[in-house]
Amino acid sequence: PGGLVARERFYLRVALSLGMVGSIGY
């Protein structure tokens, strides 16, 4: 639900999780 905006938020959240939280662990 939410169309293009929701898709962009999804990809941004995935990028933040992998790029920021994963990097913090390492």
mmCIF file of all heavy atoms, coordinates in Angstrom:
data_MODEL
# 
_entry.id   MODEL 
# 
loop_
_atom_site.group_PDB 
_atom_site.id 
_atom_site.type_symbol 
_atom_site.label_atom_id 
_atom_site.label_alt_id 
_atom_site.label_comp_id 
_atom_site.label_asym_id 
_atom_site.label_entity_id 
_atom_site.label_seq_id 
_atom_site.pdbx_PDB_ins_code 
_atom_site.Cartn_x 
_atom_site.Cartn_y 
_atom_site.Cartn_z 
_atom_site.occupancy 
_atom_site.B_iso_or_equiv 
_atom_site.pdbx_formal_charge 
_atom_site.auth_seq_id 
_atom_site.auth_comp_id 
_atom_site.auth_asym_id 
_atom_site.auth_atom_id 
_atom_site.pdbx_PDB_model_num 
ATOM 1   N N   . PRO A 1 1  ? 0.835  -1.201 0.000  1.00 0.00 ? 1  PRO A N   1 
ATOM 2   C CA  . PRO A 1 1  ? 0.000  0.000  0.000  1.00 0.00 ? 1  PRO A CA  1 
ATOM 3   C C   . PRO A 1 1  ? 0.873  1.257  0.000  1.00 0.00 ? 1  PRO A C   1 
ATOM 4   O O   . PRO A 1 1  ? 1.924  1.293  0.610  1.00 0.00 ? 1  PRO A O   1 
ATOM 5   C CB  . PRO A 1 1  ? -0.790 -0.122 1.315  1.00 0.00 ? 1  PRO A CB  1 
ATOM 6   C CG  . PRO A 1 1  ? -0.706 -1.561 1.701  1.00 0.00 ? 1  PRO A CG  1 
ATOM 7   C CD  . PRO A 1 1  ? 0.601  -2.038 1.181  1.00 0.00 ? 1  PRO A CD  1 
ATOM 8   N N   . GLY A 1 2  ? 0.431  2.287  -0.691 1.00 0.00 ? 2  GLY A N   1 
ATOM 9   C CA  . GLY A 1 2  ? 1.149  3.553  -0.653 1.00 0.00 ? 2  GLY A CA  1 
ATOM 10  C C   . GLY A 1 2  ? 1.833  3.931  -1.946 1.00 0.00 ? 2  GLY A C   1 
ATOM 11  O O   . GLY A 1 2  ? 2.362  5.036  -2.070 1.00 0.00 ? 2  GLY A O   1 
ATOM 12  N N   . GLY A 1 3  ? 1.870  3.023  -2.904 1.00 0.00 ? 3  GLY A N   1 
ATOM 13  C CA  . GLY A 1 3  ? 2.415  3.353  -4.213 1.00 0.00 ? 3  GLY A CA  1 
ATOM 14  C C   . GLY A 1 3  ? 3.897  3.639  -4.210 1.00 0.00 ? 3  GLY A C   1 
ATOM 15  O O   . GLY A 1 3  ? 4.687  3.034  -3.481 1.00 0.00 ? 3  GLY A O   1 
ATOM 16  N N   . LEU A 1 4  ? 4.295  4.587  -5.053 1.00 0.00 ? 4  LEU A N   1 
ATOM 17  C CA  . LEU A 1 4  ? 5.701  4.892  -5.279 1.00 0.00 ? 4  LEU A CA  1 
ATOM 18  C C   . LEU A 1 4  ? 6.397  5.378  -4.012 1.00 0.00 ? 4  LEU A C   1 
ATOM 19  O O   . LEU A 1 4  ? 7.545  4.996  -3.734 1.00 0.00 ? 4  LEU A O   1 
ATOM 20  C CB  . LEU A 1 4  ? 5.836  5.954  -6.376 1.00 0.00 ? 4  LEU A CB  1 
ATOM 21  C CG  . LEU A 1 4  ? 7.264  6.395  -6.722 1.00 0.00 ? 4  LEU A CG  1 
ATOM 22  C CD1 . LEU A 1 4  ? 8.091  5.215  -7.203 1.00 0.00 ? 4  LEU A CD1 1 
ATOM 23  C CD2 . LEU A 1 4  ? 7.225  7.516  -7.760 1.00 0.00 ? 4  LEU A CD2 1 
ATOM 24  N N   . VAL A 1 5  ? 5.736  6.204  -3.234 1.00 0.00 ? 5  VAL A N   1 
ATOM 25  C CA  . VAL A 1 5  ? 6.341  6.729  -2.004 1.00 0.00 ? 5  VAL A CA  1 
ATOM 26  C C   . VAL A 1 5  ? 6.676  5.594  -1.054 1.00 0.00 ? 5  VAL A C   1 
ATOM 27  O O   . VAL A 1 5  ? 7.758  5.546  -0.462 1.00 0.00 ? 5  VAL A O   1 
ATOM 28  C CB  . VAL A 1 5  ? 5.398  7.741  -1.321 1.00 0.00 ? 5  VAL A CB  1 
ATOM 29  C CG1 . VAL A 1 5  ? 5.959  8.158  0.033  1.00 0.00 ? 5  VAL A CG1 1 
ATOM 30  C CG2 . VAL A 1 5  ? 5.187  8.963  -2.211 1.00 0.00 ? 5  VAL A CG2 1 
ATOM 31  N N   . ALA A 1 6  ? 5.748  4.643  -0.899 1.00 0.00 ? 6  ALA A N   1 
ATOM 32  C CA  . ALA A 1 6  ? 5.981  3.504  -0.012 1.00 0.00 ? 6  ALA A CA  1 
ATOM 33  C C   . ALA A 1 6  ? 7.141  2.655  -0.508 1.00 0.00 ? 6  ALA A C   1 
ATOM 34  O O   . ALA A 1 6  ? 7.947  2.166  0.296  1.00 0.00 ? 6  ALA A O   1 
ATOM 35  C CB  . ALA A 1 6  ? 4.705  2.665  0.093  1.00 0.00 ? 6  ALA A CB  1 
ATOM 36  N N   . ARG A 1 7  ? 7.240  2.483  -1.825 1.00 0.00 ? 7  ARG A N   1 
ATOM 37  C CA  . ARG A 1 7  ? 8.352  1.697  -2.369 1.00 0.00 ? 7  ARG A CA  1 
ATOM 38  C C   . ARG A 1 7  ? 9.687  2.389  -2.100 1.00 0.00 ? 7  ARG A C   1 
ATOM 39  O O   . ARG A 1 7  ? 10.671 1.736  -1.743 1.00 0.00 ? 7  ARG A O   1 
ATOM 40  C CB  . ARG A 1 7  ? 8.155  1.469  -3.874 1.00 0.00 ? 7  ARG A CB  1 
ATOM 41  C CG  . ARG A 1 7  ? 7.011  0.517  -4.204 1.00 0.00 ? 7  ARG A CG  1 
ATOM 42  C CD  . ARG A 1 7  ? 7.142  -0.007 -5.621 1.00 0.00 ? 7  ARG A CD  1 
ATOM 43  N NE  . ARG A 1 7  ? 7.027  1.043  -6.616 1.00 0.00 ? 7  ARG A NE  1 
ATOM 44  C CZ  . ARG A 1 7  ? 5.863  1.460  -7.132 1.00 0.00 ? 7  ARG A CZ  1 
ATOM 45  N NH1 . ARG A 1 7  ? 4.719  0.900  -6.717 1.00 0.00 ? 7  ARG A NH1 1 
ATOM 46  N NH2 . ARG A 1 7  ? 5.833  2.399  -8.043 1.00 0.00 ? 7  ARG A NH2 1 
ATOM 47  N N   . GLU A 1 8  ? 9.729  3.707  -2.290 1.00 0.00 ? 8  GLU A N   1 
ATOM 48  C CA  . GLU A 1 8  ? 10.969 4.441  -2.033 1.00 0.00 ? 8  GLU A CA  1 
ATOM 49  C C   . GLU A 1 8  ? 11.369 4.353  -0.565 1.00 0.00 ? 8  GLU A C   1 
ATOM 50  O O   . GLU A 1 8  ? 12.547 4.206  -0.234 1.00 0.00 ? 8  GLU A O   1 
ATOM 51  C CB  . GLU A 1 8  ? 10.804 5.905  -2.457 1.00 0.00 ? 8  GLU A CB  1 
ATOM 52  C CG  . GLU A 1 8  ? 10.695 6.085  -3.975 1.00 0.00 ? 8  GLU A CG  1 
ATOM 53  C CD  . GLU A 1 8  ? 10.455 7.530  -4.360 1.00 0.00 ? 8  GLU A CD  1 
ATOM 54  O OE1 . GLU A 1 8  ? 10.107 8.321  -3.455 1.00 0.00 ? 8  GLU A OE1 1 
ATOM 55  O OE2 . GLU A 1 8  ? 10.606 7.860  -5.560 1.00 0.00 ? 8  GLU A OE2 1 
ATOM 56  N N   . ARG A 1 9  ? 10.388 4.446  0.331  1.00 0.00 ? 9  ARG A N   1 
ATOM 57  C CA  . ARG A 1 9  ? 10.684 4.321  1.759  1.00 0.00 ? 9  ARG A CA  1 
ATOM 58  C C   . ARG A 1 9  ? 11.210 2.927  2.085  1.00 0.00 ? 9  ARG A C   1 
ATOM 59  O O   . ARG A 1 9  ? 12.119 2.773  2.906  1.00 0.00 ? 9  ARG A O   1 
ATOM 60  C CB  . ARG A 1 9  ? 9.426  4.617  2.581  1.00 0.00 ? 9  ARG A CB  1 
ATOM 61  C CG  . ARG A 1 9  ? 9.042  6.086  2.612  1.00 0.00 ? 9  ARG A CG  1 
ATOM 62  C CD  . ARG A 1 9  ? 7.760  6.286  3.384  1.00 0.00 ? 9  ARG A CD  1 
ATOM 63  N NE  . ARG A 1 9  ? 7.393  7.700  3.449  1.00 0.00 ? 9  ARG A NE  1 
ATOM 64  C CZ  . ARG A 1 9  ? 6.241  8.132  3.948  1.00 0.00 ? 9  ARG A CZ  1 
ATOM 65  N NH1 . ARG A 1 9  ? 5.344  7.270  4.411  1.00 0.00 ? 9  ARG A NH1 1 
ATOM 66  N NH2 . ARG A 1 9  ? 5.993  9.424  3.975  1.00 0.00 ? 9  ARG A NH2 1 
ATOM 67  N N   . PHE A 1 10 ? 10.641 1.926  1.466  1.00 0.00 ? 10 PHE A N   1 
ATOM 68  C CA  . PHE A 1 10 ? 11.092 0.551  1.703  1.00 0.00 ? 10 PHE A CA  1 
ATOM 69  C C   . PHE A 1 10 ? 12.564 0.406  1.340  1.00 0.00 ? 10 PHE A C   1 
ATOM 70  O O   . PHE A 1 10 ? 13.362 -0.107 2.129  1.00 0.00 ? 10 PHE A O   1 
ATOM 71  C CB  . PHE A 1 10 ? 10.238 -0.426 0.891  1.00 0.00 ? 10 PHE A CB  1 
ATOM 72  C CG  . PHE A 1 10 ? 10.794 -1.830 0.882  1.00 0.00 ? 10 PHE A CG  1 
ATOM 73  C CD1 . PHE A 1 10 ? 10.578 -2.685 1.951  1.00 0.00 ? 10 PHE A CD1 1 
ATOM 74  C CD2 . PHE A 1 10 ? 11.548 -2.281 -0.202 1.00 0.00 ? 10 PHE A CD2 1 
ATOM 75  C CE1 . PHE A 1 10 ? 11.101 -3.970 1.948  1.00 0.00 ? 10 PHE A CE1 1 
ATOM 76  C CE2 . PHE A 1 10 ? 12.074 -3.561 -0.213 1.00 0.00 ? 10 PHE A CE2 1 
ATOM 77  C CZ  . PHE A 1 10 ? 11.851 -4.408 0.861  1.00 0.00 ? 10 PHE A CZ  1 
ATOM 78  N N   . TYR A 1 11 ? 12.929 0.863  0.143  1.00 0.00 ? 11 TYR A N   1 
ATOM 79  C CA  . TYR A 1 11 ? 14.319 0.728  -0.297 1.00 0.00 ? 11 TYR A CA  1 
ATOM 80  C C   . TYR A 1 11 ? 15.265 1.562  0.567  1.00 0.00 ? 11 TYR A C   1 
ATOM 81  O O   . TYR A 1 11 ? 16.395 1.139  0.844  1.00 0.00 ? 11 TYR A O   1 
ATOM 82  C CB  . TYR A 1 11 ? 14.448 1.099  -1.766 1.00 0.00 ? 11 TYR A CB  1 
ATOM 83  C CG  . TYR A 1 11 ? 13.815 0.096  -2.701 1.00 0.00 ? 11 TYR A CG  1 
ATOM 84  C CD1 . TYR A 1 11 ? 12.781 0.466  -3.554 1.00 0.00 ? 11 TYR A CD1 1 
ATOM 85  C CD2 . TYR A 1 11 ? 14.254 -1.226 -2.726 1.00 0.00 ? 11 TYR A CD2 1 
ATOM 86  C CE1 . TYR A 1 11 ? 12.197 -0.462 -4.409 1.00 0.00 ? 11 TYR A CE1 1 
ATOM 87  C CE2 . TYR A 1 11 ? 13.676 -2.156 -3.576 1.00 0.00 ? 11 TYR A CE2 1 
ATOM 88  C CZ  . TYR A 1 11 ? 12.646 -1.773 -4.409 1.00 0.00 ? 11 TYR A CZ  1 
ATOM 89  O OH  . TYR A 1 11 ? 12.059 -2.697 -5.246 1.00 0.00 ? 11 TYR A OH  1 
ATOM 90  N N   . LEU A 1 12 ? 14.823 2.729  1.006  1.00 0.00 ? 12 LEU A N   1 
ATOM 91  C CA  . LEU A 1 12 ? 15.648 3.558  1.875  1.00 0.00 ? 12 LEU A CA  1 
ATOM 92  C C   . LEU A 1 12 ? 15.881 2.865  3.215  1.00 0.00 ? 12 LEU A C   1 
ATOM 93  O O   . LEU A 1 12 ? 16.999 2.876  3.748  1.00 0.00 ? 12 LEU A O   1 
ATOM 94  C CB  . LEU A 1 12 ? 14.982 4.923  2.087  1.00 0.00 ? 12 LEU A CB  1 
ATOM 95  C CG  . LEU A 1 12 ? 15.700 5.877  3.058  1.00 0.00 ? 12 LEU A CG  1 
ATOM 96  C CD1 . LEU A 1 12 ? 17.098 6.199  2.538  1.00 0.00 ? 12 LEU A CD1 1 
ATOM 97  C CD2 . LEU A 1 12 ? 14.877 7.159  3.251  1.00 0.00 ? 12 LEU A CD2 1 
ATOM 98  N N   . ARG A 1 13 ? 14.826 2.247  3.761  1.00 0.00 ? 13 ARG A N   1 
ATOM 99  C CA  . ARG A 1 13 ? 14.959 1.560  5.047  1.00 0.00 ? 13 ARG A CA  1 
ATOM 100 C C   . ARG A 1 13 ? 15.878 0.341  4.941  1.00 0.00 ? 13 ARG A C   1 
ATOM 101 O O   . ARG A 1 13 ? 16.659 0.068  5.847  1.00 0.00 ? 13 ARG A O   1 
ATOM 102 C CB  . ARG A 1 13 ? 13.569 1.163  5.555  1.00 0.00 ? 13 ARG A CB  1 
ATOM 103 C CG  . ARG A 1 13 ? 12.755 2.362  6.021  1.00 0.00 ? 13 ARG A CG  1 
ATOM 104 C CD  . ARG A 1 13 ? 11.279 2.067  6.141  1.00 0.00 ? 13 ARG A CD  1 
ATOM 105 N NE  . ARG A 1 13 ? 10.569 3.258  6.617  1.00 0.00 ? 13 ARG A NE  1 
ATOM 106 C CZ  . ARG A 1 13 ? 9.248  3.388  6.613  1.00 0.00 ? 13 ARG A CZ  1 
ATOM 107 N NH1 . ARG A 1 13 ? 8.484  2.399  6.120  1.00 0.00 ? 13 ARG A NH1 1 
ATOM 108 N NH2 . ARG A 1 13 ? 8.690  4.486  7.083  1.00 0.00 ? 13 ARG A NH2 1 
ATOM 109 N N   . VAL A 1 14 ? 15.771 -0.360 3.842  1.00 0.00 ? 14 VAL A N   1 
ATOM 110 C CA  . VAL A 1 14 ? 16.671 -1.497 3.633  1.00 0.00 ? 14 VAL A CA  1 
ATOM 111 C C   . VAL A 1 14 ? 18.114 -1.009 3.557  1.00 0.00 ? 14 VAL A C   1 
ATOM 112 O O   . VAL A 1 14 ? 19.029 -1.606 4.153  1.00 0.00 ? 14 VAL A O   1 
ATOM 113 C CB  . VAL A 1 14 ? 16.290 -2.266 2.353  1.00 0.00 ? 14 VAL A CB  1 
ATOM 114 C CG1 . VAL A 1 14 ? 17.369 -3.292 2.003  1.00 0.00 ? 14 VAL A CG1 1 
ATOM 115 C CG2 . VAL A 1 14 ? 14.946 -2.961 2.535  1.00 0.00 ? 14 VAL A CG2 1 
ATOM 116 N N   . ALA A 1 15 ? 18.330 0.086  2.833  1.00 0.00 ? 15 ALA A N   1 
ATOM 117 C CA  . ALA A 1 15 ? 19.684 0.632  2.699  1.00 0.00 ? 15 ALA A CA  1 
ATOM 118 C C   . ALA A 1 15 ? 20.234 1.087  4.050  1.00 0.00 ? 15 ALA A C   1 
ATOM 119 O O   . ALA A 1 15 ? 21.408 0.859  4.370  1.00 0.00 ? 15 ALA A O   1 
ATOM 120 C CB  . ALA A 1 15 ? 19.682 1.795  1.708  1.00 0.00 ? 15 ALA A CB  1 
ATOM 121 N N   . LEU A 1 16 ? 19.383 1.716  4.872  1.00 0.00 ? 16 LEU A N   1 
ATOM 122 C CA  . LEU A 1 16 ? 19.827 2.161  6.194  1.00 0.00 ? 16 LEU A CA  1 
ATOM 123 C C   . LEU A 1 16 ? 20.140 0.980  7.101  1.00 0.00 ? 16 LEU A C   1 
ATOM 124 O O   . LEU A 1 16 ? 21.129 0.997  7.849  1.00 0.00 ? 16 LEU A O   1 
ATOM 125 C CB  . LEU A 1 16 ? 18.745 3.035  6.840  1.00 0.00 ? 16 LEU A CB  1 
ATOM 126 C CG  . LEU A 1 16 ? 18.575 4.444  6.271  1.00 0.00 ? 16 LEU A CG  1 
ATOM 127 C CD1 . LEU A 1 16 ? 17.366 5.123  6.897  1.00 0.00 ? 16 LEU A CD1 1 
ATOM 128 C CD2 . LEU A 1 16 ? 19.832 5.270  6.519  1.00 0.00 ? 16 LEU A CD2 1 
ATOM 129 N N   . SER A 1 17 ? 19.316 -0.043 7.022  1.00 0.00 ? 17 SER A N   1 
ATOM 130 C CA  . SER A 1 17 ? 19.545 -1.214 7.874  1.00 0.00 ? 17 SER A CA  1 
ATOM 131 C C   . SER A 1 17 ? 20.861 -1.897 7.525  1.00 0.00 ? 17 SER A C   1 
ATOM 132 O O   . SER A 1 17 ? 21.692 -2.161 8.398  1.00 0.00 ? 17 SER A O   1 
ATOM 133 C CB  . SER A 1 17 ? 18.391 -2.201 7.731  1.00 0.00 ? 17 SER A CB  1 
ATOM 134 O OG  . SER A 1 17 ? 18.561 -3.317 8.590  1.00 0.00 ? 17 SER A OG  1 
ATOM 135 N N   . LEU A 1 18 ? 21.047 -2.164 6.243  1.00 0.00 ? 18 LEU A N   1 
ATOM 136 C CA  . LEU A 1 18 ? 22.260 -2.859 5.823  1.00 0.00 ? 18 LEU A CA  1 
ATOM 137 C C   . LEU A 1 18 ? 23.490 -1.965 5.926  1.00 0.00 ? 18 LEU A C   1 
ATOM 138 O O   . LEU A 1 18 ? 24.559 -2.396 6.385  1.00 0.00 ? 18 LEU A O   1 
ATOM 139 C CB  . LEU A 1 18 ? 22.100 -3.370 4.392  1.00 0.00 ? 18 LEU A CB  1 
ATOM 140 C CG  . LEU A 1 18 ? 20.962 -4.365 4.145  1.00 0.00 ? 18 LEU A CG  1 
ATOM 141 C CD1 . LEU A 1 18 ? 20.922 -4.759 2.672  1.00 0.00 ? 18 LEU A CD1 1 
ATOM 142 C CD2 . LEU A 1 18 ? 21.120 -5.599 5.021  1.00 0.00 ? 18 LEU A CD2 1 
ATOM 143 N N   . GLY A 1 19 ? 23.335 -0.710 5.495  1.00 0.00 ? 19 GLY A N   1 
ATOM 144 C CA  . GLY A 1 19 ? 24.489 0.185  5.449  1.00 0.00 ? 19 GLY A CA  1 
ATOM 145 C C   . GLY A 1 19 ? 24.881 0.759  6.796  1.00 0.00 ? 19 GLY A C   1 
ATOM 146 O O   . GLY A 1 19 ? 26.075 0.937  7.073  1.00 0.00 ? 19 GLY A O   1 
ATOM 147 N N   . MET A 1 20 ? 23.897 1.038  7.670  1.00 0.00 ? 20 MET A N   1 
ATOM 148 C CA  . MET A 1 20 ? 24.213 1.682  8.933  1.00 0.00 ? 20 MET A CA  1 
ATOM 149 C C   . MET A 1 20 ? 24.304 0.672  10.076 1.00 0.00 ? 20 MET A C   1 
ATOM 150 O O   . MET A 1 20 ? 25.339 0.558  10.741 1.00 0.00 ? 20 MET A O   1 
ATOM 151 C CB  . MET A 1 20 ? 23.172 2.756  9.276  1.00 0.00 ? 20 MET A CB  1 
ATOM 152 C CG  . MET A 1 20 ? 23.516 3.524  10.552 1.00 0.00 ? 20 MET A CG  1 
ATOM 153 S SD  . MET A 1 20 ? 22.451 4.969  10.782 1.00 0.00 ? 20 MET A SD  1 
ATOM 154 C CE  . MET A 1 20 ? 20.891 4.150  11.096 1.00 0.00 ? 20 MET A CE  1 
ATOM 155 N N   . VAL A 1 21 ? 23.244 -0.087 10.307 1.00 0.00 ? 21 VAL A N   1 
ATOM 156 C CA  . VAL A 1 21 ? 23.232 -1.024 11.432 1.00 0.00 ? 21 VAL A CA  1 
ATOM 157 C C   . VAL A 1 21 ? 24.252 -2.142 11.215 1.00 0.00 ? 21 VAL A C   1 
ATOM 158 O O   . VAL A 1 21 ? 25.006 -2.499 12.127 1.00 0.00 ? 21 VAL A O   1 
ATOM 159 C CB  . VAL A 1 21 ? 21.817 -1.612 11.635 1.00 0.00 ? 21 VAL A CB  1 
ATOM 160 C CG1 . VAL A 1 21 ? 21.819 -2.614 12.793 1.00 0.00 ? 21 VAL A CG1 1 
ATOM 161 C CG2 . VAL A 1 21 ? 20.817 -0.500 11.895 1.00 0.00 ? 21 VAL A CG2 1 
ATOM 162 N N   . GLY A 1 22 ? 24.292 -2.682 9.991  1.00 0.00 ? 22 GLY A N   1 
ATOM 163 C CA  . GLY A 1 22 ? 25.278 -3.714 9.710  1.00 0.00 ? 22 GLY A CA  1 
ATOM 164 C C   . GLY A 1 22 ? 26.696 -3.194 9.860  1.00 0.00 ? 22 GLY A C   1 
ATOM 165 O O   . GLY A 1 22 ? 27.574 -3.880 10.403 1.00 0.00 ? 22 GLY A O   1 
ATOM 166 N N   . SER A 1 23 ? 26.933 -1.960 9.423  1.00 0.00 ? 23 SER A N   1 
ATOM 167 C CA  . SER A 1 23 ? 28.268 -1.363 9.544  1.00 0.00 ? 23 SER A CA  1 
ATOM 168 C C   . SER A 1 23 ? 28.634 -1.098 11.001 1.00 0.00 ? 23 SER A C   1 
ATOM 169 O O   . SER A 1 23 ? 29.801 -1.220 11.386 1.00 0.00 ? 23 SER A O   1 
ATOM 170 C CB  . SER A 1 23 ? 28.338 -0.053 8.759  1.00 0.00 ? 23 SER A CB  1 
ATOM 171 O OG  . SER A 1 23 ? 28.159 -0.298 7.371  1.00 0.00 ? 23 SER A OG  1 
ATOM 172 N N   . ILE A 1 24 ? 27.644 -0.735 11.815 1.00 0.00 ? 24 ILE A N   1 
ATOM 173 C CA  . ILE A 1 24 ? 27.905 -0.522 13.243 1.00 0.00 ? 24 ILE A CA  1 
ATOM 174 C C   . ILE A 1 24 ? 28.412 -1.814 13.883 1.00 0.00 ? 24 ILE A C   1 
ATOM 175 O O   . ILE A 1 24 ? 29.356 -1.809 14.675 1.00 0.00 ? 24 ILE A O   1 
ATOM 176 C CB  . ILE A 1 24 ? 26.637 -0.024 13.962 1.00 0.00 ? 24 ILE A CB  1 
ATOM 177 C CG1 . ILE A 1 24 ? 26.344 1.423  13.565 1.00 0.00 ? 24 ILE A CG1 1 
ATOM 178 C CG2 . ILE A 1 24 ? 26.786 -0.138 15.483 1.00 0.00 ? 24 ILE A CG2 1 
ATOM 179 C CD1 . ILE A 1 24 ? 25.039 1.950  14.103 1.00 0.00 ? 24 ILE A CD1 1 
ATOM 180 N N   . GLY A 1 25 ? 27.788 -2.942 13.532 1.00 0.00 ? 25 GLY A N   1 
ATOM 181 C CA  . GLY A 1 25 ? 28.229 -4.224 14.060 1.00 0.00 ? 25 GLY A CA  1 
ATOM 182 C C   . GLY A 1 25 ? 29.676 -4.511 13.703 1.00 0.00 ? 25 GLY A C   1 
ATOM 183 O O   . GLY A 1 25 ? 30.474 -4.897 14.564 1.00 0.00 ? 25 GLY A O   1 
ATOM 184 N N   . TYR A 1 26 ? 30.027 -4.308 12.437 1.00 0.00 ? 26 TYR A N   1 
ATOM 185 C CA  . TYR A 1 26 ? 31.401 -4.569 12.001 1.00 0.00 ? 26 TYR A CA  1 
ATOM 186 C C   . TYR A 1 26 ? 32.378 -3.579 12.626 1.00 0.00 ? 26 TYR A C   1 
ATOM 187 O O   . TYR A 1 26 ? 33.467 -3.960 13.077 1.00 0.00 ? 26 TYR A O   1 
ATOM 188 C CB  . TYR A 1 26 ? 31.499 -4.500 10.481 1.00 0.00 ? 26 TYR A CB  1 
ATOM 189 C CG  . TYR A 1 26 ? 32.919 -4.681 9.986  1.00 0.00 ? 26 TYR A CG  1 
ATOM 190 C CD1 . TYR A 1 26 ? 33.486 -5.961 9.915  1.00 0.00 ? 26 TYR A CD1 1 
ATOM 191 C CD2 . TYR A 1 26 ? 33.701 -3.585 9.620  1.00 0.00 ? 26 TYR A CD2 1 
ATOM 192 C CE1 . TYR A 1 26 ? 34.793 -6.131 9.487  1.00 0.00 ? 26 TYR A CE1 1 
ATOM 193 C CE2 . TYR A 1 26 ? 35.001 -3.748 9.188  1.00 0.00 ? 26 TYR A CE2 1 
ATOM 194 C CZ  . TYR A 1 26 ? 35.550 -5.026 9.123  1.00 0.00 ? 26 TYR A CZ  1 
ATOM 195 O OH  . TYR A 1 26 ? 36.836 -5.193 8.711  1.00 0.00 ? 26 TYR A OH  1 
# 
